[in-house]
Amino acid sequence: MNNAKTSRNALMMTLMGVLLVSGGCDKITAWFDSLTAPKKPSSPVEVSKELTTSSTPTTQPQKTTSTPQTTTESSAPSGNVLVKVGDWTMTKEEFEADLKQAQEALPDLKVNVETKKAIVEELVRQQLLVQEAKRRGYDKDPQMQKAIENMANTLLMRRLIEDLTKDITVTDEEVQQFYEQNKDAFKTPEEYKVRMIVVDDEALAKQILVELYQGADFADKARQYSKDKSAWQGGDLGYLSEFPFEKMADAVKVLDKGAVSPVFKGPQGYYIVKLEDKRGGEPIAFDQVKDYLKSQIMLGKQQEAVMAFVEQLRQQIPVTVNEQLLEE
């Protein structure tokens, strides 16, 4: 027996299969992400890091020439029935309507005659397998029924969330305001070129520091005294964007280029660090982050709307939790 819900589910699953084969998995991920519960916007620092490390794949879909081989002209479905497999049918109108909905969800999706033929062929394959699975009674298995129920619940929840958030918007002014309020955080990551000396004895560390203040070469003293594995290369740690421990970060970040820190205690003993160079920290222009921030602010608004609605439902629908069972 055919119905709109069954045809839509079949078409969506088929479309996913075709796109995955043709290199469109990123589109599928983006589409399903748009239906799931939205996340809060990343912090400005996280946004800054992501913008400097992320890249966008540009896989081109492969053209397919698959065509349905299941029917012939003499046995083709009659009327407006596009495809028939056993008792399952899908009309041309259902196919076109669901395909249009899929294109709205996936704006970059290009559909032509060959794509439609590939989708129909995949529909046929899926229905043959589904009907055989049912013939074997797999749909009666309790675990399978539970999995189907869970999937149905997930789809229902996604549909509700989509409806709750469809009218939420973000203005350019809101994005600009968010950027201005967090401007200091939108910078390229800072990196520090550091040399380090580590010794076990505090008195020795202070003696080395005096020698450094008197003009001794930091690299020579690191080779002579430091117990760290970097000693052989003059205590050179290279450029660091993150530090082994907080005290070291605090000591380095207040130094000017070429300056040496006071002695401080750390995990391996007593430390002295020298800042040789600093790079990064340049502001990221608004135009570079505008679209990303807009999407993140949108997701934050959507989450707030959904959570507020959940709280309303909590007042209407009784909820009880036996927390003692969680402790057993």
Foldseek 3Di string as FASTA:
>chain_A
DEDLVVLLVLLVVLVCVQCVVFVNVVLVVQLVQLLDQFDAFDDLLVLLVCLVPDDDDDRGGDQDQDAAPPDDPVRQDDDQWHDDDPPYTDGPVSNVVSVVVVCVSRVPDDDDPRNVRSSVNSSNVVVVVVVVCVVVPVCVDPVNVVVVVVVVVRVVSSVVLCVLQVPDADDLVNLVVVCVVCQQSQWHQKKFWKFKAFAADPVVLQVVVVVVVVPDDQLVVLLVGGPDPCNVVSRTPGIDSDDPDDVVVVQRVVDDAQDKGHWDADDRHIMIMHTHDMDISHTDDCVSCSVVSRVNVSSNVSNVSVVVVVVVVCVVDPDDDDCVVVVD
